[in-house]
N, C-alpha and C. Protein backbone atom coordinates (compact mmCIF):
# COMPACT_ATOMS: atom_id res chain seq x y z
N MET A 1 -10.14 -29.22 -9.21
CA MET A 1 -9.86 -27.84 -8.88
C MET A 1 -11.00 -26.97 -9.43
N PRO A 2 -11.68 -26.19 -8.55
CA PRO A 2 -12.81 -25.39 -9.01
C PRO A 2 -12.35 -24.22 -9.87
N LEU A 3 -13.16 -23.90 -10.84
CA LEU A 3 -12.87 -22.76 -11.70
C LEU A 3 -13.41 -21.49 -11.06
N GLN A 4 -12.62 -20.43 -11.12
CA GLN A 4 -13.05 -19.15 -10.58
C GLN A 4 -13.45 -18.24 -11.73
N ALA A 5 -14.47 -17.47 -11.49
CA ALA A 5 -14.90 -16.50 -12.50
C ALA A 5 -13.83 -15.42 -12.62
N PRO A 6 -13.62 -14.91 -13.82
CA PRO A 6 -12.60 -13.87 -13.97
C PRO A 6 -13.01 -12.61 -13.19
N THR A 7 -12.02 -12.01 -12.55
CA THR A 7 -12.31 -10.80 -11.78
C THR A 7 -12.40 -9.60 -12.73
N LEU A 8 -13.30 -8.71 -12.41
CA LEU A 8 -13.49 -7.52 -13.23
C LEU A 8 -12.47 -6.46 -12.85
N THR A 9 -12.08 -5.67 -13.81
CA THR A 9 -11.20 -4.55 -13.52
C THR A 9 -12.01 -3.42 -12.90
N ALA A 10 -11.33 -2.47 -12.30
CA ALA A 10 -12.02 -1.33 -11.71
C ALA A 10 -12.81 -0.57 -12.77
N GLU A 11 -12.25 -0.46 -13.95
CA GLU A 11 -12.93 0.25 -15.03
C GLU A 11 -14.22 -0.46 -15.43
N ALA A 12 -14.18 -1.80 -15.44
CA ALA A 12 -15.38 -2.56 -15.80
C ALA A 12 -16.47 -2.41 -14.74
N VAL A 13 -16.07 -2.38 -13.48
CA VAL A 13 -17.06 -2.20 -12.41
C VAL A 13 -17.67 -0.80 -12.50
N ILE A 14 -16.84 0.20 -12.75
CA ILE A 14 -17.34 1.57 -12.89
C ILE A 14 -18.27 1.67 -14.10
N GLU A 15 -17.91 1.01 -15.19
CA GLU A 15 -18.77 1.03 -16.39
C GLU A 15 -20.12 0.38 -16.09
N LEU A 16 -20.10 -0.74 -15.36
CA LEU A 16 -21.34 -1.42 -15.00
C LEU A 16 -22.18 -0.52 -14.08
N ALA A 17 -21.55 0.13 -13.13
CA ALA A 17 -22.27 1.05 -12.24
C ALA A 17 -22.87 2.20 -13.04
N ASN A 18 -22.12 2.72 -13.99
CA ASN A 18 -22.64 3.80 -14.83
C ASN A 18 -23.84 3.35 -15.66
N GLU A 19 -23.80 2.11 -16.16
CA GLU A 19 -24.93 1.59 -16.93
C GLU A 19 -26.17 1.46 -16.05
N VAL A 20 -25.99 0.92 -14.86
CA VAL A 20 -27.13 0.76 -13.95
C VAL A 20 -27.71 2.13 -13.61
N CYS A 21 -26.84 3.10 -13.31
CA CYS A 21 -27.32 4.44 -12.97
C CYS A 21 -28.03 5.10 -14.15
N ALA A 22 -27.47 4.95 -15.34
CA ALA A 22 -28.09 5.55 -16.52
C ALA A 22 -29.46 4.94 -16.79
N ASN A 23 -29.58 3.63 -16.66
CA ASN A 23 -30.87 2.98 -16.89
C ASN A 23 -31.88 3.38 -15.82
N PHE A 24 -31.42 3.52 -14.58
CA PHE A 24 -32.30 3.98 -13.51
C PHE A 24 -32.79 5.40 -13.82
N ALA A 25 -31.88 6.25 -14.29
CA ALA A 25 -32.26 7.63 -14.64
C ALA A 25 -33.24 7.65 -15.81
N ARG A 26 -33.00 6.78 -16.80
CA ARG A 26 -33.93 6.73 -17.94
C ARG A 26 -35.33 6.34 -17.49
N ALA A 27 -35.41 5.38 -16.56
CA ALA A 27 -36.72 4.96 -16.05
C ALA A 27 -37.39 6.11 -15.30
N ALA A 28 -36.62 6.85 -14.50
CA ALA A 28 -37.18 7.97 -13.75
C ALA A 28 -37.67 9.06 -14.69
N VAL A 29 -36.91 9.34 -15.74
CA VAL A 29 -37.33 10.36 -16.72
C VAL A 29 -38.60 9.92 -17.44
N ALA A 30 -38.66 8.65 -17.82
CA ALA A 30 -39.85 8.16 -18.52
C ALA A 30 -41.09 8.25 -17.63
N ARG A 31 -40.92 7.92 -16.32
CA ARG A 31 -42.06 8.04 -15.41
C ARG A 31 -42.47 9.50 -15.25
N ALA A 32 -41.49 10.41 -15.15
CA ALA A 32 -41.82 11.83 -15.02
C ALA A 32 -42.53 12.34 -16.27
N MET A 33 -42.05 11.93 -17.43
CA MET A 33 -42.70 12.36 -18.68
C MET A 33 -44.10 11.79 -18.79
N ALA A 34 -44.29 10.56 -18.30
CA ALA A 34 -45.63 9.95 -18.34
C ALA A 34 -46.59 10.74 -17.47
N GLY A 35 -46.09 11.30 -16.38
CA GLY A 35 -46.93 12.10 -15.51
C GLY A 35 -47.40 13.40 -16.16
N HIS A 36 -46.69 13.84 -17.20
CA HIS A 36 -47.05 15.08 -17.88
C HIS A 36 -47.52 14.83 -19.31
N SER A 37 -47.86 13.59 -19.61
CA SER A 37 -48.24 13.25 -20.99
C SER A 37 -49.57 13.91 -21.37
N ALA A 38 -49.71 14.15 -22.67
CA ALA A 38 -50.89 14.84 -23.18
C ALA A 38 -52.02 13.89 -23.51
N SER A 39 -51.71 12.62 -23.72
CA SER A 39 -52.76 11.67 -24.09
C SER A 39 -52.56 10.36 -23.33
N GLU A 40 -53.61 9.56 -23.36
CA GLU A 40 -53.57 8.25 -22.70
C GLU A 40 -52.57 7.33 -23.40
N ALA A 41 -52.50 7.40 -24.72
CA ALA A 41 -51.57 6.56 -25.48
C ALA A 41 -50.12 6.91 -25.15
N GLU A 42 -49.84 8.21 -25.07
CA GLU A 42 -48.47 8.64 -24.72
C GLU A 42 -48.13 8.20 -23.30
N HIS A 43 -49.09 8.32 -22.39
CA HIS A 43 -48.88 7.89 -21.01
C HIS A 43 -48.56 6.40 -20.94
N ALA A 44 -49.32 5.60 -21.67
CA ALA A 44 -49.11 4.15 -21.68
C ALA A 44 -47.74 3.80 -22.27
N SER A 45 -47.37 4.50 -23.34
CA SER A 45 -46.08 4.24 -23.99
C SER A 45 -44.92 4.59 -23.05
N LEU A 46 -44.99 5.73 -22.41
CA LEU A 46 -43.91 6.14 -21.51
C LEU A 46 -43.85 5.27 -20.25
N THR A 47 -45.00 4.85 -19.76
CA THR A 47 -45.02 3.95 -18.60
C THR A 47 -44.41 2.60 -18.96
N ALA A 48 -44.73 2.10 -20.15
CA ALA A 48 -44.14 0.84 -20.60
C ALA A 48 -42.63 0.98 -20.76
N ARG A 49 -42.18 2.10 -21.29
CA ARG A 49 -40.74 2.34 -21.44
C ARG A 49 -40.06 2.39 -20.06
N ALA A 50 -40.70 3.03 -19.09
CA ALA A 50 -40.14 3.08 -17.73
C ALA A 50 -40.04 1.68 -17.13
N GLU A 51 -41.05 0.86 -17.37
CA GLU A 51 -41.02 -0.51 -16.86
C GLU A 51 -39.91 -1.32 -17.52
N GLN A 52 -39.64 -1.07 -18.81
CA GLN A 52 -38.53 -1.76 -19.48
C GLN A 52 -37.18 -1.36 -18.88
N TRP A 53 -37.00 -0.07 -18.62
CA TRP A 53 -35.74 0.39 -18.01
C TRP A 53 -35.60 -0.18 -16.60
N ASP A 54 -36.71 -0.23 -15.85
CA ASP A 54 -36.68 -0.80 -14.50
C ASP A 54 -36.30 -2.27 -14.54
N ALA A 55 -36.86 -3.00 -15.51
CA ALA A 55 -36.53 -4.42 -15.64
C ALA A 55 -35.05 -4.61 -15.94
N LEU A 56 -34.50 -3.74 -16.78
CA LEU A 56 -33.07 -3.82 -17.10
C LEU A 56 -32.22 -3.52 -15.87
N VAL A 57 -32.63 -2.54 -15.09
CA VAL A 57 -31.91 -2.24 -13.84
C VAL A 57 -31.97 -3.44 -12.91
N ASN A 58 -33.14 -4.07 -12.79
CA ASN A 58 -33.29 -5.23 -11.92
C ASN A 58 -32.43 -6.41 -12.39
N GLU A 59 -32.18 -6.51 -13.69
CA GLU A 59 -31.29 -7.54 -14.22
C GLU A 59 -29.83 -7.22 -13.92
N GLN A 60 -29.45 -5.96 -14.05
CA GLN A 60 -28.05 -5.56 -13.90
C GLN A 60 -27.64 -5.43 -12.44
N TRP A 61 -28.56 -5.14 -11.57
CA TRP A 61 -28.23 -4.87 -10.17
C TRP A 61 -27.47 -6.03 -9.50
N PRO A 62 -27.94 -7.28 -9.60
CA PRO A 62 -27.20 -8.37 -8.95
C PRO A 62 -25.77 -8.51 -9.48
N ALA A 63 -25.59 -8.29 -10.78
CA ALA A 63 -24.24 -8.38 -11.35
C ALA A 63 -23.34 -7.28 -10.78
N LEU A 64 -23.90 -6.09 -10.60
CA LEU A 64 -23.12 -5.00 -10.02
C LEU A 64 -22.75 -5.30 -8.58
N VAL A 65 -23.70 -5.77 -7.81
CA VAL A 65 -23.43 -6.10 -6.40
C VAL A 65 -22.36 -7.19 -6.32
N GLU A 66 -22.47 -8.20 -7.14
CA GLU A 66 -21.49 -9.29 -7.14
C GLU A 66 -20.11 -8.78 -7.54
N ALA A 67 -20.04 -7.91 -8.54
CA ALA A 67 -18.76 -7.36 -8.98
C ALA A 67 -18.10 -6.55 -7.86
N ILE A 68 -18.89 -5.78 -7.14
CA ILE A 68 -18.34 -4.98 -6.05
C ILE A 68 -17.88 -5.88 -4.93
N ARG A 69 -18.68 -6.87 -4.57
CA ARG A 69 -18.29 -7.80 -3.49
C ARG A 69 -17.05 -8.60 -3.87
N ALA A 70 -16.94 -9.00 -5.13
CA ALA A 70 -15.78 -9.77 -5.56
C ALA A 70 -14.50 -8.94 -5.51
N GLY A 71 -14.64 -7.64 -5.69
CA GLY A 71 -13.47 -6.77 -5.68
C GLY A 71 -12.99 -6.41 -4.29
N LEU A 72 -13.81 -6.63 -3.29
CA LEU A 72 -13.41 -6.30 -1.92
C LEU A 72 -12.84 -7.52 -1.22
N PRO A 73 -11.80 -7.32 -0.44
CA PRO A 73 -11.29 -8.45 0.33
C PRO A 73 -12.30 -8.87 1.38
N GLY A 74 -12.28 -10.14 1.74
CA GLY A 74 -13.25 -10.66 2.70
C GLY A 74 -13.18 -9.99 4.05
N ALA A 75 -12.02 -9.49 4.43
CA ALA A 75 -11.86 -8.89 5.75
C ALA A 75 -12.32 -7.43 5.79
N ALA A 76 -12.63 -6.85 4.64
CA ALA A 76 -13.03 -5.44 4.64
C ALA A 76 -14.45 -5.31 5.16
N GLN A 77 -14.59 -4.64 6.28
CA GLN A 77 -15.89 -4.42 6.88
C GLN A 77 -15.94 -3.01 7.43
N VAL A 78 -17.13 -2.56 7.70
CA VAL A 78 -17.29 -1.25 8.31
C VAL A 78 -16.78 -1.32 9.73
N GLU A 79 -15.93 -0.40 10.10
CA GLU A 79 -15.43 -0.37 11.46
C GLU A 79 -16.48 0.25 12.35
N ARG A 80 -16.76 -0.39 13.44
CA ARG A 80 -17.86 0.00 14.30
C ARG A 80 -17.42 0.89 15.45
N PHE A 81 -16.26 1.50 15.37
CA PHE A 81 -15.83 2.38 16.45
C PHE A 81 -15.54 3.76 15.91
N MET A 82 -15.51 4.70 16.82
CA MET A 82 -15.15 6.07 16.44
C MET A 82 -13.63 6.19 16.57
N PRO A 83 -12.97 6.97 15.73
CA PRO A 83 -11.52 7.13 15.87
C PRO A 83 -11.14 7.75 17.21
N VAL A 84 -12.00 8.58 17.75
CA VAL A 84 -11.78 9.15 19.09
C VAL A 84 -13.04 8.84 19.87
N ARG A 85 -12.86 8.18 21.01
CA ARG A 85 -14.04 7.75 21.77
C ARG A 85 -13.88 8.10 23.24
N PRO A 86 -14.78 8.92 23.77
CA PRO A 86 -14.73 9.20 25.21
C PRO A 86 -15.25 8.00 25.99
N LEU A 87 -14.59 7.68 27.08
CA LEU A 87 -15.00 6.57 27.93
C LEU A 87 -15.69 7.10 29.17
N THR A 88 -16.44 6.25 29.83
CA THR A 88 -17.20 6.68 31.00
C THR A 88 -16.31 6.96 32.21
N ASN A 89 -15.07 6.48 32.20
CA ASN A 89 -14.19 6.70 33.35
C ASN A 89 -13.35 7.98 33.22
N GLY A 90 -13.67 8.84 32.25
CA GLY A 90 -12.93 10.09 32.08
C GLY A 90 -11.74 9.99 31.14
N HIS A 91 -11.48 8.82 30.61
CA HIS A 91 -10.39 8.65 29.66
C HIS A 91 -10.91 8.77 28.23
N VAL A 92 -9.99 8.88 27.30
CA VAL A 92 -10.33 8.99 25.88
C VAL A 92 -9.50 7.97 25.13
N GLU A 93 -10.16 7.19 24.27
CA GLU A 93 -9.46 6.25 23.39
C GLU A 93 -9.21 6.92 22.05
N LEU A 94 -8.00 6.79 21.54
CA LEU A 94 -7.65 7.31 20.23
C LEU A 94 -7.24 6.10 19.39
N HIS A 95 -8.03 5.77 18.36
CA HIS A 95 -7.75 4.63 17.50
C HIS A 95 -6.93 5.13 16.32
N VAL A 96 -5.74 4.55 16.13
CA VAL A 96 -4.82 5.00 15.09
C VAL A 96 -4.21 3.79 14.41
N HIS A 97 -3.48 4.04 13.33
CA HIS A 97 -2.70 3.02 12.64
C HIS A 97 -1.26 3.48 12.61
N ASP A 98 -0.31 2.56 12.81
CA ASP A 98 1.09 2.94 12.72
C ASP A 98 1.54 2.89 11.26
N THR A 99 2.82 3.11 11.02
CA THR A 99 3.32 3.16 9.65
C THR A 99 3.28 1.81 8.96
N SER A 100 3.09 0.74 9.71
CA SER A 100 2.95 -0.60 9.13
C SER A 100 1.49 -1.02 9.03
N ALA A 101 0.57 -0.09 9.21
CA ALA A 101 -0.88 -0.29 9.12
C ALA A 101 -1.41 -1.19 10.23
N ARG A 102 -0.69 -1.29 11.33
CA ARG A 102 -1.19 -2.04 12.48
C ARG A 102 -2.07 -1.12 13.30
N ARG A 103 -3.17 -1.67 13.81
CA ARG A 103 -4.08 -0.88 14.63
C ARG A 103 -3.49 -0.69 16.02
N LEU A 104 -3.63 0.52 16.51
CA LEU A 104 -3.20 0.84 17.87
C LEU A 104 -4.31 1.61 18.56
N VAL A 105 -4.40 1.45 19.87
CA VAL A 105 -5.33 2.22 20.67
C VAL A 105 -4.51 2.96 21.71
N VAL A 106 -4.58 4.28 21.69
CA VAL A 106 -3.87 5.11 22.65
C VAL A 106 -4.89 5.55 23.69
N LEU A 107 -4.60 5.26 24.95
CA LEU A 107 -5.50 5.62 26.04
C LEU A 107 -4.97 6.89 26.69
N LEU A 108 -5.79 7.93 26.71
CA LEU A 108 -5.40 9.23 27.26
C LEU A 108 -6.35 9.61 28.39
N THR A 109 -5.83 10.36 29.36
CA THR A 109 -6.72 10.96 30.34
C THR A 109 -7.42 12.13 29.65
N GLY A 110 -8.45 12.67 30.27
CA GLY A 110 -9.14 13.81 29.68
C GLY A 110 -8.20 14.99 29.47
N ALA A 111 -7.33 15.26 30.45
CA ALA A 111 -6.39 16.37 30.35
C ALA A 111 -5.39 16.13 29.22
N GLN A 112 -4.91 14.89 29.10
CA GLN A 112 -3.97 14.57 28.02
C GLN A 112 -4.64 14.73 26.65
N ALA A 113 -5.89 14.32 26.55
CA ALA A 113 -6.61 14.45 25.28
C ALA A 113 -6.77 15.91 24.90
N LEU A 114 -7.09 16.77 25.87
CA LEU A 114 -7.20 18.21 25.60
C LEU A 114 -5.86 18.77 25.15
N ALA A 115 -4.78 18.35 25.81
CA ALA A 115 -3.45 18.84 25.44
C ALA A 115 -3.07 18.39 24.04
N VAL A 116 -3.33 17.12 23.72
CA VAL A 116 -3.02 16.61 22.38
C VAL A 116 -3.84 17.37 21.34
N GLY A 117 -5.12 17.58 21.62
CA GLY A 117 -5.96 18.32 20.68
C GLY A 117 -5.48 19.74 20.46
N ALA A 118 -5.09 20.40 21.54
CA ALA A 118 -4.60 21.78 21.41
C ALA A 118 -3.30 21.81 20.61
N HIS A 119 -2.41 20.86 20.90
CA HIS A 119 -1.14 20.82 20.16
C HIS A 119 -1.37 20.51 18.68
N LEU A 120 -2.26 19.57 18.38
CA LEU A 120 -2.54 19.26 16.98
C LEU A 120 -3.12 20.47 16.25
N THR A 121 -4.01 21.18 16.92
CA THR A 121 -4.59 22.38 16.32
C THR A 121 -3.52 23.42 16.05
N ALA A 122 -2.65 23.64 17.04
CA ALA A 122 -1.58 24.63 16.87
C ALA A 122 -0.61 24.22 15.77
N TYR A 123 -0.20 22.95 15.75
CA TYR A 123 0.73 22.50 14.72
C TYR A 123 0.09 22.54 13.34
N GLY A 124 -1.21 22.24 13.27
CA GLY A 124 -1.91 22.34 11.99
C GLY A 124 -1.94 23.78 11.50
N ALA A 125 -2.22 24.72 12.40
CA ALA A 125 -2.25 26.14 12.01
C ALA A 125 -0.86 26.61 11.57
N ILE A 126 0.18 26.18 12.28
CA ILE A 126 1.55 26.57 11.90
C ILE A 126 1.89 26.00 10.53
N SER A 127 1.56 24.73 10.31
CA SER A 127 1.87 24.10 9.03
C SER A 127 1.15 24.80 7.88
N LEU A 128 -0.13 25.14 8.07
CA LEU A 128 -0.87 25.83 7.02
C LEU A 128 -0.30 27.23 6.79
N ASP A 129 0.12 27.90 7.86
CA ASP A 129 0.69 29.23 7.72
C ASP A 129 2.00 29.17 6.94
N ARG A 130 2.79 28.14 7.16
CA ARG A 130 4.08 28.01 6.46
C ARG A 130 3.91 27.82 4.96
N ILE A 131 2.77 27.26 4.54
CA ILE A 131 2.56 27.09 3.10
C ILE A 131 1.72 28.23 2.52
N GLY A 132 1.43 29.22 3.35
CA GLY A 132 0.75 30.41 2.87
C GLY A 132 -0.77 30.36 2.95
N GLN A 133 -1.32 29.31 3.53
CA GLN A 133 -2.77 29.21 3.66
C GLN A 133 -3.18 29.82 4.99
N LYS A 134 -4.15 30.70 4.94
CA LYS A 134 -4.61 31.39 6.15
C LYS A 134 -5.93 30.80 6.62
N LEU A 135 -6.10 30.72 7.92
CA LEU A 135 -7.31 30.15 8.49
C LEU A 135 -8.40 31.17 8.71
N ASP A 136 -8.06 32.45 8.74
CA ASP A 136 -9.05 33.45 9.14
C ASP A 136 -10.29 33.48 8.25
N SER A 137 -10.17 33.09 7.00
CA SER A 137 -11.36 33.12 6.14
C SER A 137 -12.37 32.03 6.52
N GLY A 138 -11.90 30.96 7.12
CA GLY A 138 -12.80 29.88 7.48
C GLY A 138 -13.29 29.92 8.91
N LEU A 139 -12.77 30.82 9.70
CA LEU A 139 -13.15 30.91 11.10
C LEU A 139 -14.09 32.08 11.33
N PRO A 140 -15.03 31.92 12.24
CA PRO A 140 -15.94 33.04 12.52
C PRO A 140 -15.22 34.14 13.29
N TYR A 141 -15.67 35.37 13.10
CA TYR A 141 -15.09 36.50 13.79
C TYR A 141 -15.53 36.47 15.26
N VAL A 142 -14.59 36.66 16.14
CA VAL A 142 -14.89 36.72 17.57
C VAL A 142 -14.45 38.09 18.06
N LYS A 143 -15.40 38.86 18.54
CA LYS A 143 -15.09 40.19 19.04
C LYS A 143 -14.36 40.06 20.37
N ALA A 144 -13.34 40.87 20.56
CA ALA A 144 -12.57 40.82 21.79
C ALA A 144 -13.45 41.24 22.96
N ALA A 145 -13.31 40.53 24.06
CA ALA A 145 -14.08 40.86 25.26
C ALA A 145 -13.40 42.00 25.99
N PRO A 146 -14.17 42.85 26.64
CA PRO A 146 -13.55 43.94 27.40
C PRO A 146 -12.82 43.36 28.62
N PRO A 147 -11.79 44.04 29.07
CA PRO A 147 -11.06 43.53 30.23
C PRO A 147 -11.94 43.54 31.48
N PHE A 148 -11.63 42.64 32.37
CA PHE A 148 -12.38 42.54 33.61
C PHE A 148 -11.99 43.69 34.54
N VAL A 149 -12.99 44.36 35.09
CA VAL A 149 -12.75 45.46 36.01
C VAL A 149 -13.33 45.06 37.37
N PRO A 150 -12.47 44.96 38.40
CA PRO A 150 -13.01 44.59 39.71
C PRO A 150 -13.93 45.66 40.26
N PRO A 151 -14.89 45.25 41.09
CA PRO A 151 -15.81 46.24 41.68
C PRO A 151 -15.05 47.28 42.49
N GLY A 152 -15.49 48.53 42.39
CA GLY A 152 -14.87 49.61 43.14
C GLY A 152 -13.67 50.21 42.44
N PHE A 153 -13.30 49.72 41.29
CA PHE A 153 -12.16 50.26 40.56
C PHE A 153 -12.65 51.45 39.76
N ALA A 154 -12.05 52.60 39.98
CA ALA A 154 -12.55 53.84 39.38
C ALA A 154 -12.16 53.98 37.91
N GLY A 155 -10.94 53.69 37.60
CA GLY A 155 -10.47 53.91 36.23
C GLY A 155 -10.88 52.78 35.30
N GLN A 156 -11.35 53.12 34.13
CA GLN A 156 -11.73 52.12 33.13
C GLN A 156 -10.60 52.05 32.11
N PRO A 157 -9.91 50.92 32.01
CA PRO A 157 -8.84 50.82 31.03
C PRO A 157 -9.40 50.81 29.61
N ALA A 158 -8.56 51.13 28.66
CA ALA A 158 -8.98 51.13 27.25
C ALA A 158 -9.38 49.72 26.84
N THR A 159 -10.41 49.62 26.04
CA THR A 159 -10.87 48.30 25.60
C THR A 159 -10.24 47.98 24.25
N PRO A 160 -9.83 46.72 24.05
CA PRO A 160 -9.21 46.34 22.78
C PRO A 160 -10.24 46.25 21.66
N ASP A 161 -9.78 46.44 20.45
CA ASP A 161 -10.59 46.29 19.23
C ASP A 161 -11.87 47.11 19.25
N GLY A 162 -11.88 48.19 19.95
CA GLY A 162 -13.06 49.06 19.95
C GLY A 162 -14.26 48.43 20.62
N ALA A 163 -14.03 47.49 21.56
CA ALA A 163 -15.16 46.88 22.25
C ALA A 163 -15.88 47.94 23.06
N ALA A 164 -17.13 47.79 23.25
CA ALA A 164 -17.94 48.80 23.92
C ALA A 164 -17.73 48.81 25.43
N GLY A 165 -17.04 47.85 25.96
CA GLY A 165 -16.83 47.79 27.40
C GLY A 165 -17.90 46.98 28.08
N PRO A 166 -17.88 46.96 29.40
CA PRO A 166 -18.87 46.14 30.11
C PRO A 166 -20.26 46.72 29.95
N PRO A 167 -21.28 45.87 30.06
CA PRO A 167 -22.64 46.37 29.91
C PRO A 167 -22.99 47.34 31.04
N ALA A 168 -23.91 48.26 30.74
CA ALA A 168 -24.31 49.25 31.74
C ALA A 168 -25.02 48.55 32.90
N ALA A 169 -24.85 49.11 34.09
CA ALA A 169 -25.48 48.53 35.27
C ALA A 169 -26.99 48.70 35.18
N ARG A 170 -27.71 47.70 35.62
CA ARG A 170 -29.18 47.75 35.60
C ARG A 170 -29.69 48.29 36.93
N PRO A 171 -30.76 49.09 36.91
CA PRO A 171 -31.28 49.63 38.18
C PRO A 171 -31.96 48.56 39.00
């Protein structure tokens, strides 16, 4: 029966990542200081120190990569699809997961996708409003457009929100 290496805890992996990052930063600082050194001896000393930190990073890097890979299940991979994908036939695929984490693909027509999007937007706005969060601070201001006036209509109705009305006719 083969022996398995002990698995690292999340805290140990984070600690190892922090060590690698700190050593990488130390090497970068030493190189930057060497670039501003006042003497050749100081430059040589700081460059040697940077090389030592780099060597330590190069030693620790494989252990970090192995620890991260060991902590991930073999089936975990980057998903190569978009959660919402337009198809060339005018349909839209919606990739979702059900409550049991099973993957589902919902196929919608373009019109159905627009309706679902509009409903989700409306329900999201209602839900945020119910908890007291307002959307107006995150949305750009849109000035109200003046009402459409058919040609030959003499009376100009009042414009909402102080809009200036239709543009002046050009000669």
